[in-house]
Amino acid sequence: MPRLLSCLPFFDSMFFPKPPSRKAEKRKQKAHRRAVIAAVRREVRQRDTRCRVCHEVLPGSAHMHEVVFRSTLRGQAPEEIFNTRNCVLLCLACHAEVHARKIDLVPVDSELGANGEIEVQRRLT
């Protein structure tokens, strides 16, 4: 009798459920990451109404920038990378200058991070 039950494919799956596929796990991780980024972007937009570098009023196309680059924080949870202590809102021109390494953004208070004052250091080229 047990031999007959083991031949039925649904019987094994009742006792040993199949683990989720890697593709499904990745999809779930990406959805979580997008949700974290969207929540932080809303909070940063409420906090920063002006560019944190040039202080101009931001149009609808403001860019969220991480003070500590994502590549430095690779492998950490999305909540560690994307949070209001690490993200600021910049205009397109200032965001391009930061990524071109023409200016550096340094939080004055390391405890507050981007929630506090940001010092803008211009590099001499």
PDB file of N, CA and C in Angstrom:
ATOM      1  N   MET A   1       0.804  -1.203   0.000  1.00  0.00           N
ATOM      2  CA  MET A   1       0.000   0.000   0.000  1.00  0.00           C
ATOM      3  C   MET A   1       0.853   1.276   0.000  1.00  0.00           C
ATOM      4  N   PRO A   2       1.895   1.392   0.834  1.00  0.00           N
ATOM      5  CA  PRO A   2       2.710   2.608   0.807  1.00  0.00           C
ATOM      6  C   PRO A   2       3.345   2.843  -0.552  1.00  0.00           C
ATOM      7  N   ARG A   3       3.654   1.750  -1.247  1.00  0.00           N
ATOM      8  CA  ARG A   3       4.272   1.902  -2.553  1.00  0.00           C
ATOM      9  C   ARG A   3       3.310   2.583  -3.520  1.00  0.00           C
ATOM     10  N   LEU A   4       2.075   2.305  -3.434  1.00  0.00           N
ATOM     11  CA  LEU A   4       1.067   2.902  -4.294  1.00  0.00           C
ATOM     12  C   LEU A   4       0.965   4.411  -4.022  1.00  0.00           C
ATOM     13  N   LEU A   5       0.994   4.785  -2.749  1.00  0.00           N
ATOM     14  CA  LEU A   5       0.882   6.206  -2.407  1.00  0.00           C
ATOM     15  C   LEU A   5       2.094   6.999  -2.862  1.00  0.00           C
ATOM     16  N   SER A   6       3.269   6.399  -2.806  1.00  0.00           N
ATOM     17  CA  SER A   6       4.468   7.135  -3.223  1.00  0.00           C
ATOM     18  C   SER A   6       4.511   7.332  -4.731  1.00  0.00           C
ATOM     19  N   CYS A   7       3.731   6.584  -5.469  1.00  0.00           N
ATOM     20  CA  CYS A   7       3.689   6.755  -6.919  1.00  0.00           C
ATOM     21  C   CYS A   7       2.848   7.959  -7.325  1.00  0.00           C
ATOM     22  N   LEU A   8       1.995   8.409  -6.449  1.00  0.00           N
ATOM     23  CA  LEU A   8       1.138   9.537  -6.765  1.00  0.00           C
ATOM     24  C   LEU A   8       1.911  10.844  -6.569  1.00  0.00           C
ATOM     25  N   PRO A   9       2.012  11.675  -7.588  1.00  0.00           N
ATOM     26  CA  PRO A   9       2.848  12.887  -7.490  1.00  0.00           C
ATOM     27  C   PRO A   9       2.355  13.883  -6.451  1.00  0.00           C
ATOM     28  N   PHE A  10       1.052  13.990  -6.242  1.00  0.00           N
ATOM     29  CA  PHE A  10       0.539  14.971  -5.289  1.00  0.00           C
ATOM     30  C   PHE A  10       0.798  14.547  -3.845  1.00  0.00           C
ATOM     31  N   PHE A  11       0.997  13.241  -3.611  1.00  0.00           N
ATOM     32  CA  PHE A  11       1.191  12.748  -2.253  1.00  0.00           C
ATOM     33  C   PHE A  11       2.503  13.272  -1.665  1.00  0.00           C
ATOM     34  N   ASP A  12       3.596  13.228  -2.440  1.00  0.00           N
ATOM     35  CA  ASP A  12       4.890  13.721  -1.969  1.00  0.00           C
ATOM     36  C   ASP A  12       4.833  15.219  -1.696  1.00  0.00           C
ATOM     37  N   SER A  13       4.115  15.961  -2.512  1.00  0.00           N
ATOM     38  CA  SER A  13       4.067  17.412  -2.338  1.00  0.00           C
ATOM     39  C   SER A  13       3.281  17.818  -1.096  1.00  0.00           C
ATOM     40  N   MET A  14       2.438  16.918  -0.587  1.00  0.00           N
ATOM     41  CA  MET A  14       1.701  17.233   0.630  1.00  0.00           C
ATOM     42  C   MET A  14       2.643  17.284   1.829  1.00  0.00           C
ATOM     43  N   PHE A  15       3.619  16.380   1.866  1.00  0.00           N
ATOM     44  CA  PHE A  15       4.520  16.289   3.009  1.00  0.00           C
ATOM     45  C   PHE A  15       5.808  17.069   2.797  1.00  0.00           C
ATOM     46  N   PHE A  16       6.217  17.241   1.564  1.00  0.00           N
ATOM     47  CA  PHE A  16       7.438  17.950   1.245  1.00  0.00           C
ATOM     48  C   PHE A  16       7.130  19.041   0.221  1.00  0.00           C
ATOM     49  N   PRO A  17       6.660  20.192   0.692  1.00  0.00           N
ATOM     50  CA  PRO A  17       6.304  21.243  -0.275  1.00  0.00           C
ATOM     51  C   PRO A  17       7.540  21.742  -1.013  1.00  0.00           C
ATOM     52  N   LYS A  18       7.332  22.098  -2.231  1.00  0.00           N
ATOM     53  CA  LYS A  18       8.403  22.593  -3.072  1.00  0.00           C
ATOM     54  C   LYS A  18       8.812  23.992  -2.599  1.00  0.00           C
ATOM     55  N   PRO A  19      10.101  24.266  -2.460  1.00  0.00           N
ATOM     56  CA  PRO A  19      10.517  25.610  -2.042  1.00  0.00           C
ATOM     57  C   PRO A  19      10.255  26.617  -3.166  1.00  0.00           C
ATOM     58  N   PRO A  20      10.127  27.900  -2.815  1.00  0.00           N
ATOM     59  CA  PRO A  20       9.891  28.904  -3.868  1.00  0.00           C
ATOM     60  C   PRO A  20      11.089  28.972  -4.812  1.00  0.00           C
ATOM     61  N   SER A  21      10.809  29.264  -6.054  1.00  0.00           N
ATOM     62  CA  SER A  21      11.884  29.322  -7.042  1.00  0.00           C
ATOM     63  C   SER A  21      12.758  30.549  -6.804  1.00  0.00           C
ATOM     64  N   ARG A  22      13.973  30.494  -7.288  1.00  0.00           N
ATOM     65  CA  ARG A  22      14.909  31.630  -7.154  1.00  0.00           C
ATOM     66  C   ARG A  22      14.348  32.861  -7.849  1.00  0.00           C
ATOM     67  N   LYS A  23      13.705  32.648  -8.975  1.00  0.00           N
ATOM     68  CA  LYS A  23      13.109  33.746  -9.726  1.00  0.00           C
ATOM     69  C   LYS A  23      12.016  34.438  -8.903  1.00  0.00           C
ATOM     70  N   ALA A  24      11.200  33.658  -8.220  1.00  0.00           N
ATOM     71  CA  ALA A  24      10.139  34.223  -7.378  1.00  0.00           C
ATOM     72  C   ALA A  24      10.731  34.989  -6.198  1.00  0.00           C
ATOM     73  N   GLU A  25      11.807  34.462  -5.611  1.00  0.00           N
ATOM     74  CA  GLU A  25      12.472  35.148  -4.496  1.00  0.00           C
ATOM     75  C   GLU A  25      13.065  36.482  -4.953  1.00  0.00           C
ATOM     76  N   LYS A  26      13.717  36.490  -6.115  1.00  0.00           N
ATOM     77  CA  LYS A  26      14.291  37.726  -6.663  1.00  0.00           C
ATOM     78  C   LYS A  26      13.196  38.747  -6.940  1.00  0.00           C
ATOM     79  N   ARG A  27      12.081  38.298  -7.505  1.00  0.00           N
ATOM     80  CA  ARG A  27      10.957  39.184  -7.794  1.00  0.00           C
ATOM     81  C   ARG A  27      10.444  39.834  -6.504  1.00  0.00           C
ATOM     82  N   LYS A  28      10.356  39.030  -5.455  1.00  0.00           N
ATOM     83  CA  LYS A  28       9.894  39.519  -4.152  1.00  0.00           C
ATOM     84  C   LYS A  28      10.886  40.542  -3.576  1.00  0.00           C
ATOM     85  N   GLN A  29      12.192  40.265  -3.686  1.00  0.00           N
ATOM     86  CA  GLN A  29      13.219  41.187  -3.196  1.00  0.00           C
ATOM     87  C   GLN A  29      13.169  42.516  -3.946  1.00  0.00           C
ATOM     88  N   LYS A  30      13.020  42.458  -5.275  1.00  0.00           N
ATOM     89  CA  LYS A  30      12.965  43.682  -6.076  1.00  0.00           C
ATOM     90  C   LYS A  30      11.726  44.507  -5.749  1.00  0.00           C
ATOM     91  N   ALA A  31      10.605  43.844  -5.527  1.00  0.00           N
ATOM     92  CA  ALA A  31       9.378  44.561  -5.161  1.00  0.00           C
ATOM     93  C   ALA A  31       9.544  45.248  -3.808  1.00  0.00           C
ATOM     94  N   HIS A  32      10.186  44.579  -2.875  1.00  0.00           N
ATOM     95  CA  HIS A  32      10.443  45.170  -1.554  1.00  0.00           C
ATOM     96  C   HIS A  32      11.362  46.383  -1.688  1.00  0.00           C
ATOM     97  N   ARG A  33      12.415  46.249  -2.491  1.00  0.00           N
ATOM     98  CA  ARG A  33      13.360  47.358  -2.702  1.00  0.00           C
ATOM     99  C   ARG A  33      12.650  48.563  -3.312  1.00  0.00           C
ATOM    100  N   ARG A  34      11.806  48.326  -4.327  1.00  0.00           N
ATOM    101  CA  ARG A  34      11.059  49.431  -4.956  1.00  0.00           C
ATOM    102  C   ARG A  34      10.126  50.111  -3.961  1.00  0.00           C
ATOM    103  N   ALA A  35       9.494  49.319  -3.089  1.00  0.00           N
ATOM    104  CA  ALA A  35       8.591  49.886  -2.084  1.00  0.00           C
ATOM    105  C   ALA A  35       9.355  50.748  -1.081  1.00  0.00           C
ATOM    106  N   VAL A  36      10.536  50.295  -0.658  1.00  0.00           N
ATOM    107  CA  VAL A  36      11.364  51.073   0.278  1.00  0.00           C
ATOM    108  C   VAL A  36      11.797  52.380  -0.374  1.00  0.00           C
ATOM    109  N   ILE A  37      12.261  52.318  -1.619  1.00  0.00           N
ATOM    110  CA  ILE A  37      12.715  53.524  -2.326  1.00  0.00           C
ATOM    111  C   ILE A  37      11.562  54.505  -2.486  1.00  0.00           C
ATOM    112  N   ALA A  38      10.385  54.035  -2.850  1.00  0.00           N
ATOM    113  CA  ALA A  38       9.228  54.927  -3.034  1.00  0.00           C
ATOM    114  C   ALA A  38       8.851  55.609  -1.729  1.00  0.00           C
ATOM    115  N   ALA A  39       8.883  54.877  -0.622  1.00  0.00           N
ATOM    116  CA  ALA A  39       8.537  55.458   0.683  1.00  0.00           C
ATOM    117  C   ALA A  39       9.555  56.516   1.094  1.00  0.00           C
ATOM    118  N   VAL A  40      10.837  56.219   0.905  1.00  0.00           N
ATOM    119  CA  VAL A  40      11.887  57.183   1.263  1.00  0.00           C
ATOM    120  C   VAL A  40      11.815  58.402   0.358  1.00  0.00           C
ATOM    121  N   ARG A  41      11.555  58.190  -0.932  1.00  0.00           N
ATOM    122  CA  ARG A  41      11.451  59.320  -1.864  1.00  0.00           C
ATOM    123  C   ARG A  41      10.328  60.275  -1.436  1.00  0.00           C
ATOM    124  N   ARG A  42       9.192  59.729  -0.993  1.00  0.00           N
ATOM    125  CA  ARG A  42       8.094  60.586  -0.514  1.00  0.00           C
ATOM    126  C   ARG A  42       8.525  61.402   0.703  1.00  0.00           C
ATOM    127  N   GLU A  43       9.199  60.756   1.648  1.00  0.00           N
ATOM    128  CA  GLU A  43       9.643  61.457   2.857  1.00  0.00           C
ATOM    129  C   GLU A  43      10.675  62.534   2.532  1.00  0.00           C
ATOM    130  N   VAL A  44      11.611  62.227   1.644  1.00  0.00           N
ATOM    131  CA  VAL A  44      12.659  63.187   1.278  1.00  0.00           C
ATOM    132  C   VAL A  44      12.049  64.360   0.517  1.00  0.00           C
ATOM    133  N   ARG A  45      11.058  64.098  -0.344  1.00  0.00           N
ATOM    134  CA  ARG A  45      10.379  65.187  -1.072  1.00  0.00           C
ATOM    135  C   ARG A  45       9.657  66.129  -0.112  1.00  0.00           C
ATOM    136  N   GLN A  46       9.090  65.577   0.949  1.00  0.00           N
ATOM    137  CA  GLN A  46       8.427  66.425   1.943  1.00  0.00           C
ATOM    138  C   GLN A  46       9.448  67.247   2.727  1.00  0.00           C
ATOM    139  N   ARG A  47      10.589  66.654   3.036  1.00  0.00           N
ATOM    140  CA  ARG A  47      11.620  67.338   3.810  1.00  0.00           C
ATOM    141  C   ARG A  47      12.351  68.392   2.984  1.00  0.00           C
ATOM    142  N   ASP A  48      12.750  68.040   1.767  1.00  0.00           N
ATOM    143  CA  ASP A  48      13.538  68.942   0.909  1.00  0.00           C
ATOM    144  C   ASP A  48      12.655  69.551  -0.162  1.00  0.00           C
ATOM    145  N   THR A  49      12.348  70.824  -0.014  1.00  0.00           N
ATOM    146  CA  THR A  49      11.578  71.508  -1.056  1.00  0.00           C
ATOM    147  C   THR A  49      12.500  72.264  -2.001  1.00  0.00           C
ATOM    148  N   ARG A  50      13.754  72.390  -1.608  1.00  0.00           N
ATOM    149  CA  ARG A  50      14.765  73.055  -2.431  1.00  0.00           C
ATOM    150  C   ARG A  50      15.961  72.124  -2.594  1.00  0.00           C
ATOM    151  N   CYS A  51      16.755  72.388  -3.633  1.00  0.00           N
ATOM    152  CA  CYS A  51      17.983  71.628  -3.862  1.00  0.00           C
ATOM    153  C   CYS A  51      18.901  71.847  -2.662  1.00  0.00           C
ATOM    154  N   ARG A  52      19.514  70.794  -2.155  1.00  0.00           N
ATOM    155  CA  ARG A  52      20.364  70.915  -0.973  1.00  0.00           C
ATOM    156  C   ARG A  52      21.718  71.535  -1.295  1.00  0.00           C
ATOM    157  N   VAL A  53      22.055  71.725  -2.584  1.00  0.00           N
ATOM    158  CA  VAL A  53      23.334  72.331  -2.962  1.00  0.00           C
ATOM    159  C   VAL A  53      23.146  73.790  -3.344  1.00  0.00           C
ATOM    160  N   CYS A  54      22.300  74.064  -4.351  1.00  0.00           N
ATOM    161  CA  CYS A  54      22.151  75.438  -4.855  1.00  0.00           C
ATOM    162  C   CYS A  54      20.937  76.155  -4.267  1.00  0.00           C
ATOM    163  N   HIS A  55      20.109  75.465  -3.525  1.00  0.00           N
ATOM    164  CA  HIS A  55      18.934  76.006  -2.825  1.00  0.00           C
ATOM    165  C   HIS A  55      17.867  76.581  -3.756  1.00  0.00           C
ATOM    166  N   GLU A  56      17.858  76.154  -5.005  1.00  0.00           N
ATOM    167  CA  GLU A  56      16.785  76.577  -5.912  1.00  0.00           C
ATOM    168  C   GLU A  56      15.553  75.719  -5.654  1.00  0.00           C
ATOM    169  N   VAL A  57      14.386  76.307  -5.916  1.00  0.00           N
ATOM    170  CA  VAL A  57      13.140  75.562  -5.763  1.00  0.00           C
ATOM    171  C   VAL A  57      13.137  74.431  -6.786  1.00  0.00           C
ATOM    172  N   LEU A  58      12.808  73.250  -6.315  1.00  0.00           N
ATOM    173  CA  LEU A  58      12.879  72.072  -7.181  1.00  0.00           C
ATOM    174  C   LEU A  58      11.630  71.941  -8.043  1.00  0.00           C
ATOM    175  N   PRO A  59      11.820  71.703  -9.334  1.00  0.00           N
ATOM    176  CA  PRO A  59      10.665  71.403 -10.196  1.00  0.00           C
ATOM    177  C   PRO A  59      10.220  69.965  -9.943  1.00  0.00           C
ATOM    178  N   GLY A  60       9.320  69.493 -10.744  1.00  0.00           N
ATOM    179  CA  GLY A  60       8.825  68.127 -10.592  1.00  0.00           C
ATOM    180  C   GLY A  60       9.877  67.071 -10.853  1.00  0.00           C
ATOM    181  N   SER A  61      10.959  67.439 -11.533  1.00  0.00           N
ATOM    182  CA  SER A  61      11.979  66.451 -11.894  1.00  0.00           C
ATOM    183  C   SER A  61      13.196  66.531 -10.977  1.00  0.00           C
ATOM    184  N   ALA A  62      12.988  66.488  -9.682  1.00  0.00           N
ATOM    185  CA  ALA A  62      14.092  66.487  -8.728  1.00  0.00           C
ATOM    186  C   ALA A  62      14.671  65.075  -8.632  1.00  0.00           C
ATOM    187  N   HIS A  63      15.943  64.989  -8.290  1.00  0.00           N
ATOM    188  CA  HIS A  63      16.626  63.705  -8.225  1.00  0.00           C
ATOM    189  C   HIS A  63      17.003  63.377  -6.793  1.00  0.00           C
ATOM    190  N   MET A  64      16.680  62.157  -6.361  1.00  0.00           N
ATOM    191  CA  MET A  64      17.089  61.707  -5.035  1.00  0.00           C
ATOM    192  C   MET A  64      18.504  61.152  -5.152  1.00  0.00           C
ATOM    193  N   HIS A  65      19.379  61.589  -4.245  1.00  0.00           N
ATOM    194  CA  HIS A  65      20.775  61.164  -4.270  1.00  0.00           C
ATOM    195  C   HIS A  65      21.153  60.596  -2.916  1.00  0.00           C
ATOM    196  N   GLU A  66      21.928  59.519  -2.914  1.00  0.00           N
ATOM    197  CA  GLU A  66      22.421  58.935  -1.677  1.00  0.00           C
ATOM    198  C   GLU A  66      23.762  59.574  -1.342  1.00  0.00           C
ATOM    199  N   VAL A  67      23.896  60.102  -0.132  1.00  0.00           N
ATOM    200  CA  VAL A  67      25.136  60.751   0.288  1.00  0.00           C
ATOM    201  C   VAL A  67      26.267  59.732   0.291  1.00  0.00           C
ATOM    202  N   VAL A  68      26.029  58.563   0.872  1.00  0.00           N
ATOM    203  CA  VAL A  68      26.979  57.457   0.784  1.00  0.00           C
ATOM    204  C   VAL A  68      26.490  56.597  -0.382  1.00  0.00           C
ATOM    205  N   PHE A  69      27.324  56.453  -1.396  1.00  0.00           N
ATOM    206  CA  PHE A  69      26.916  55.778  -2.627  1.00  0.00           C
ATOM    207  C   PHE A  69      26.439  54.344  -2.374  1.00  0.00           C
ATOM    208  N   ARG A  70      25.500  53.902  -3.206  1.00  0.00           N
ATOM    209  CA  ARG A  70      24.963  52.537  -3.116  1.00  0.00           C
ATOM    210  C   ARG A  70      26.060  51.497  -3.281  1.00  0.00           C
ATOM    211  N   SER A  71      27.034  51.784  -4.145  1.00  0.00           N
ATOM    212  CA  SER A  71      28.107  50.820  -4.386  1.00  0.00           C
ATOM    213  C   SER A  71      28.931  50.582  -3.119  1.00  0.00           C
ATOM    214  N   THR A  72      29.031  51.581  -2.259  1.00  0.00           N
ATOM    215  CA  THR A  72      29.745  51.428  -0.998  1.00  0.00           C
ATOM    216  C   THR A  72      28.955  50.556  -0.035  1.00  0.00           C
ATOM    217  N   LEU A  73      27.637  50.648  -0.085  1.00  0.00           N
ATOM    218  CA  LEU A  73      26.761  49.924   0.838  1.00  0.00           C
ATOM    219  C   LEU A  73      26.220  48.628   0.245  1.00  0.00           C
ATOM    220  N   ARG A  74      26.808  48.164  -0.830  1.00  0.00           N
ATOM    221  CA  ARG A  74      26.329  46.965  -1.525  1.00  0.00           C
ATOM    222  C   ARG A  74      26.250  45.774  -0.582  1.00  0.00           C
ATOM    223  N   GLY A  75      25.191  45.011  -0.718  1.00  0.00           N
ATOM    224  CA  GLY A  75      25.012  43.815   0.091  1.00  0.00           C
ATOM    225  C   GLY A  75      24.207  44.049   1.356  1.00  0.00           C
ATOM    226  N   GLN A  76      23.926  45.312   1.676  1.00  0.00           N
ATOM    227  CA  GLN A  76      23.132  45.596   2.864  1.00  0.00           C
ATOM    228  C   GLN A  76      21.656  45.638   2.495  1.00  0.00           C
ATOM    229  N   ALA A  77      20.823  45.624   3.509  1.00  0.00           N
ATOM    230  CA  ALA A  77      19.375  45.662   3.295  1.00  0.00           C
ATOM    231  C   ALA A  77      18.969  46.999   2.679  1.00  0.00           C
ATOM    232  N   PRO A  78      17.900  47.031   1.882  1.00  0.00           N
ATOM    233  CA  PRO A  78      17.462  48.292   1.263  1.00  0.00           C
ATOM    234  C   PRO A  78      17.184  49.390   2.289  1.00  0.00           C
ATOM    235  N   GLU A  79      16.736  49.019   3.489  1.00  0.00           N
ATOM    236  CA  GLU A  79      16.462  50.013   4.525  1.00  0.00           C
ATOM    237  C   GLU A  79      17.739  50.684   5.018  1.00  0.00           C
ATOM    238  N   GLU A  80      18.876  50.016   4.904  1.00  0.00           N
ATOM    239  CA  GLU A  80      20.158  50.599   5.304  1.00  0.00           C
ATOM    240  C   GLU A  80      20.691  51.556   4.236  1.00  0.00           C
ATOM    241  N   ILE A  81      20.405  51.266   2.985  1.00  0.00           N
ATOM    242  CA  ILE A  81      20.892  52.101   1.878  1.00  0.00           C
ATOM    243  C   ILE A  81      19.982  53.294   1.669  1.00  0.00           C
ATOM    244  N   PHE A  82      18.688  53.031   1.584  1.00  0.00           N
ATOM    245  CA  PHE A  82      17.707  54.072   1.293  1.00  0.00           C
ATOM    246  C   PHE A  82      16.989  54.458   2.572  1.00  0.00           C
ATOM    247  N   ASN A  83      17.391  55.567   3.164  1.00  0.00           N
ATOM    248  CA  ASN A  83      16.718  56.119   4.331  1.00  0.00           C
ATOM    249  C   ASN A  83      16.933  57.630   4.311  1.00  0.00           C
ATOM    250  N   THR A  84      16.202  58.333   5.121  1.00  0.00           N
ATOM    251  CA  THR A  84      16.283  59.803   5.089  1.00  0.00           C
ATOM    252  C   THR A  84      17.615  60.316   5.617  1.00  0.00           C
ATOM    253  N   ARG A  85      18.346  59.499   6.365  1.00  0.00           N
ATOM    254  CA  ARG A  85      19.668  59.922   6.835  1.00  0.00           C
ATOM    255  C   ARG A  85      20.693  59.886   5.712  1.00  0.00           C
ATOM    256  N   ASN A  86      20.436  59.138   4.657  1.00  0.00           N
ATOM    257  CA  ASN A  86      21.403  58.974   3.579  1.00  0.00           C
ATOM    258  C   ASN A  86      20.957  59.630   2.273  1.00  0.00           C
ATOM    259  N   CYS A  87      19.728  60.100   2.167  1.00  0.00           N
ATOM    260  CA  CYS A  87      19.216  60.610   0.895  1.00  0.00           C
ATOM    261  C   CYS A  87      18.890  62.094   0.954  1.00  0.00           C
ATOM    262  N   VAL A  88      19.217  62.789  -0.124  1.00  0.00           N
ATOM    263  CA  VAL A  88      18.889  64.211  -0.278  1.00  0.00           C
ATOM    264  C   VAL A  88      18.270  64.401  -1.652  1.00  0.00           C
ATOM    265  N   LEU A  89      17.594  65.540  -1.824  1.00  0.00           N
ATOM    266  CA  LEU A  89      17.010  65.876  -3.116  1.00  0.00           C
ATOM    267  C   LEU A  89      17.859  66.955  -3.771  1.00  0.00           C
ATOM    268  N   LEU A  90      18.194  66.748  -5.029  1.00  0.00           N
ATOM    269  CA  LEU A  90      19.034  67.674  -5.783  1.00  0.00           C
ATOM    270  C   LEU A  90      18.389  68.001  -7.119  1.00  0.00           C
ATOM    271  N   CYS A  91      18.744  69.165  -7.649  1.00  0.00           N
ATOM    272  CA  CYS A  91      18.306  69.490  -9.007  1.00  0.00           C
ATOM    273  C   CYS A  91      19.177  68.698  -9.990  1.00  0.00           C
ATOM    274  N   LEU A  92      18.784  68.668 -11.229  1.00  0.00           N
ATOM    275  CA  LEU A  92      19.498  67.879 -12.237  1.00  0.00           C
ATOM    276  C   LEU A  92      20.955  68.317 -12.376  1.00  0.00           C
ATOM    277  N   ALA A  93      21.213  69.633 -12.408  1.00  0.00           N
ATOM    278  CA  ALA A  93      22.578  70.142 -12.599  1.00  0.00           C
ATOM    279  C   ALA A  93      23.481  69.768 -11.420  1.00  0.00           C
ATOM    280  N   CYS A  94      22.992  69.946 -10.208  1.00  0.00           N
ATOM    281  CA  CYS A  94      23.795  69.618  -9.023  1.00  0.00           C
ATOM    282  C   CYS A  94      24.016  68.118  -8.905  1.00  0.00           C
ATOM    283  N   HIS A  95      23.018  67.333  -9.265  1.00  0.00           N
ATOM    284  CA  HIS A  95      23.162  65.879  -9.222  1.00  0.00           C
ATOM    285  C   HIS A  95      24.237  65.429 -10.207  1.00  0.00           C
ATOM    286  N   ALA A  96      24.282  66.043 -11.369  1.00  0.00           N
ATOM    287  CA  ALA A  96      25.311  65.710 -12.360  1.00  0.00           C
ATOM    288  C   ALA A  96      26.700  66.086 -11.840  1.00  0.00           C
ATOM    289  N   GLU A  97      26.815  67.226 -11.145  1.00  0.00           N
ATOM    290  CA  GLU A  97      28.104  67.645 -10.583  1.00  0.00           C
ATOM    291  C   GLU A  97      28.577  66.688  -9.487  1.00  0.00           C
ATOM    292  N   VAL A  98      27.664  66.201  -8.687  1.00  0.00           N
ATOM    293  CA  VAL A  98      28.040  65.252  -7.633  1.00  0.00           C
ATOM    294  C   VAL A  98      28.581  63.977  -8.259  1.00  0.00           C
ATOM    295  N   HIS A  99      27.900  63.471  -9.284  1.00  0.00           N
ATOM    296  CA  HIS A  99      28.348  62.228  -9.918  1.00  0.00           C
ATOM    297  C   HIS A  99      29.592  62.426 -10.774  1.00  0.00           C
ATOM    298  N   ALA A 100      29.856  63.656 -11.209  1.00  0.00           N
ATOM    299  CA  ALA A 100      31.090  63.950 -11.938  1.00  0.00           C
ATOM    300  C   ALA A 100      32.248  64.204 -10.972  1.00  0.00           C
ATOM    301  N   ARG A 101      31.968  64.084  -9.671  1.00  0.00           N
ATOM    302  CA  ARG A 101      32.951  64.277  -8.598  1.00  0.00           C
ATOM    303  C   ARG A 101      33.506  65.701  -8.560  1.00  0.00           C
ATOM    304  N   LYS A 102      32.685  66.668  -8.952  1.00  0.00           N
ATOM    305  CA  LYS A 102      33.073  68.074  -8.857  1.00  0.00           C
ATOM    306  C   LYS A 102      32.754  68.639  -7.476  1.00  0.00           C
ATOM    307  N   ILE A 103      31.733  68.079  -6.826  1.00  0.00           N
ATOM    308  CA  ILE A 103      31.391  68.487  -5.467  1.00  0.00           C
ATOM    309  C   ILE A 103      31.142  67.250  -4.615  1.00  0.00           C
ATOM    310  N   ASP A 104      31.408  67.390  -3.322  1.00  0.00           N
ATOM    311  CA  ASP A 104      31.149  66.325  -2.357  1.00  0.00           C
ATOM    312  C   ASP A 104      30.110  66.827  -1.362  1.00  0.00           C
ATOM    313  N   LEU A 105      29.240  65.939  -0.918  1.00  0.00           N
ATOM    314  CA  LEU A 105      28.245  66.256   0.099  1.00  0.00           C
ATOM    315  C   LEU A 105      28.665  65.556   1.388  1.00  0.00           C
ATOM    316  N   VAL A 106      28.875  66.361   2.439  1.00  0.00           N
ATOM    317  CA  VAL A 106      29.326  65.812   3.709  1.00  0.00           C
ATOM    318  C   VAL A 106      28.362  66.258   4.805  1.00  0.00           C
ATOM    319  N   PRO A 107      27.714  65.309   5.497  1.00  0.00           N
ATOM    320  CA  PRO A 107      26.835  65.698   6.610  1.00  0.00           C
ATOM    321  C   PRO A 107      27.645  66.337   7.735  1.00  0.00           C
ATOM    322  N   VAL A 108      27.154  67.454   8.283  1.00  0.00           N
ATOM    323  CA  VAL A 108      27.844  68.127   9.379  1.00  0.00           C
ATOM    324  C   VAL A 108      27.778  67.268  10.639  1.00  0.00           C
ATOM    325  N   ASP A 109      26.627  66.699  10.933  1.00  0.00           N
ATOM    326  CA  ASP A 109      26.440  65.836  12.096  1.00  0.00           C
ATOM    327  C   ASP A 109      26.239  64.403  11.602  1.00  0.00           C
ATOM    328  N   SER A 110      27.163  63.521  11.952  1.00  0.00           N
ATOM    329  CA  SER A 110      27.074  62.147  11.449  1.00  0.00           C
ATOM    330  C   SER A 110      25.870  61.397  12.030  1.00  0.00           C
ATOM    331  N   GLU A 111      25.388  61.793  13.197  1.00  0.00           N
ATOM    332  CA  GLU A 111      24.210  61.153  13.789  1.00  0.00           C
ATOM    333  C   GLU A 111      22.944  61.475  12.992  1.00  0.00           C
ATOM    334  N   LEU A 112      22.813  62.734  12.581  1.00  0.00           N
ATOM    335  CA  LEU A 112      21.629  63.152  11.817  1.00  0.00           C
ATOM    336  C   LEU A 112      21.754  62.793  10.342  1.00  0.00           C
ATOM    337  N   GLY A 113      22.961  62.759   9.836  1.00  0.00           N
ATOM    338  CA  GLY A 113      23.175  62.483   8.420  1.00  0.00           C
ATOM    339  C   GLY A 113      22.539  63.554   7.558  1.00  0.00           C
ATOM    340  N   ALA A 114      21.812  63.153   6.534  1.00  0.00           N
ATOM    341  CA  ALA A 114      21.168  64.093   5.612  1.00  0.00           C
ATOM    342  C   ALA A 114      19.969  64.785   6.236  1.00  0.00           C
ATOM    343  N   ASN A 115      19.484  64.296   7.378  1.00  0.00           N
ATOM    344  CA  ASN A 115      18.383  64.982   8.066  1.00  0.00           C
ATOM    345  C   ASN A 115      18.845  66.305   8.653  1.00  0.00           C
ATOM    346  N   GLY A 116      20.135  66.435   8.881  1.00  0.00           N
ATOM    347  CA  GLY A 116      20.702  67.675   9.401  1.00  0.00           C
ATOM    348  C   GLY A 116      21.279  68.515   8.267  1.00  0.00           C
ATOM    349  N   GLU A 117      22.234  69.348   8.629  1.00  0.00           N
ATOM    350  CA  GLU A 117      22.862  70.234   7.646  1.00  0.00           C
ATOM    351  C   GLU A 117      23.880  69.447   6.819  1.00  0.00           C
ATOM    352  N   ILE A 118      23.966  69.831   5.532  1.00  0.00           N
ATOM    353  CA  ILE A 118      24.912  69.199   4.601  1.00  0.00           C
ATOM    354  C   ILE A 118      25.937  70.242   4.185  1.00  0.00           C
ATOM    355  N   GLU A 119      27.207  69.884   4.298  1.00  0.00           N
ATOM    356  CA  GLU A 119      28.285  70.777   3.840  1.00  0.00           C
ATOM    357  C   GLU A 119      28.629  70.399   2.404  1.00  0.00           C
ATOM    358  N   VAL A 120      28.680  71.404   1.552  1.00  0.00           N
ATOM    359  CA  VAL A 120      29.000  71.193   0.137  1.00  0.00           C
ATOM    360  C   VAL A 120      30.462  71.569  -0.063  1.00  0.00           C
ATOM    361  N   GLN A 121      31.288  70.613  -0.460  1.00  0.00           N
ATOM    362  CA  GLN A 121      32.700  70.857  -0.690  1.00  0.00           C
ATOM    363  C   GLN A 121      32.983  70.771  -2.173  1.00  0.00           C
ATOM    364  N   ARG A 122      33.422  71.872  -2.731  1.00  0.00           N
ATOM    365  CA  ARG A 122      33.755  71.904  -4.167  1.00  0.00           C
ATOM    366  C   ARG A 122      35.181  71.481  -4.362  1.00  0.00           C
ATOM    367  N   ARG A 123      35.410  70.603  -5.314  1.00  0.00           N
ATOM    368  CA  ARG A 123      36.765  70.129  -5.610  1.00  0.00           C
ATOM    369  C   ARG A 123      37.418  71.040  -6.634  1.00  0.00           C
ATOM    370  N   LEU A 124      38.694  71.260  -6.453  1.00  0.00           N
ATOM    371  CA  LEU A 124      39.453  72.055  -7.422  1.00  0.00           C
ATOM    372  C   LEU A 124      39.930  71.134  -8.535  1.00  0.00           C
ATOM    373  N   THR A 125      39.693  71.540  -9.770  1.00  0.00           N
ATOM    374  CA  THR A 125      40.107  70.681 -10.897  1.00  0.00           C
ATOM    375  C   THR A 125      41.212  71.301 -11.675  1.00  0.00           C
TER     376      THR A 125
END
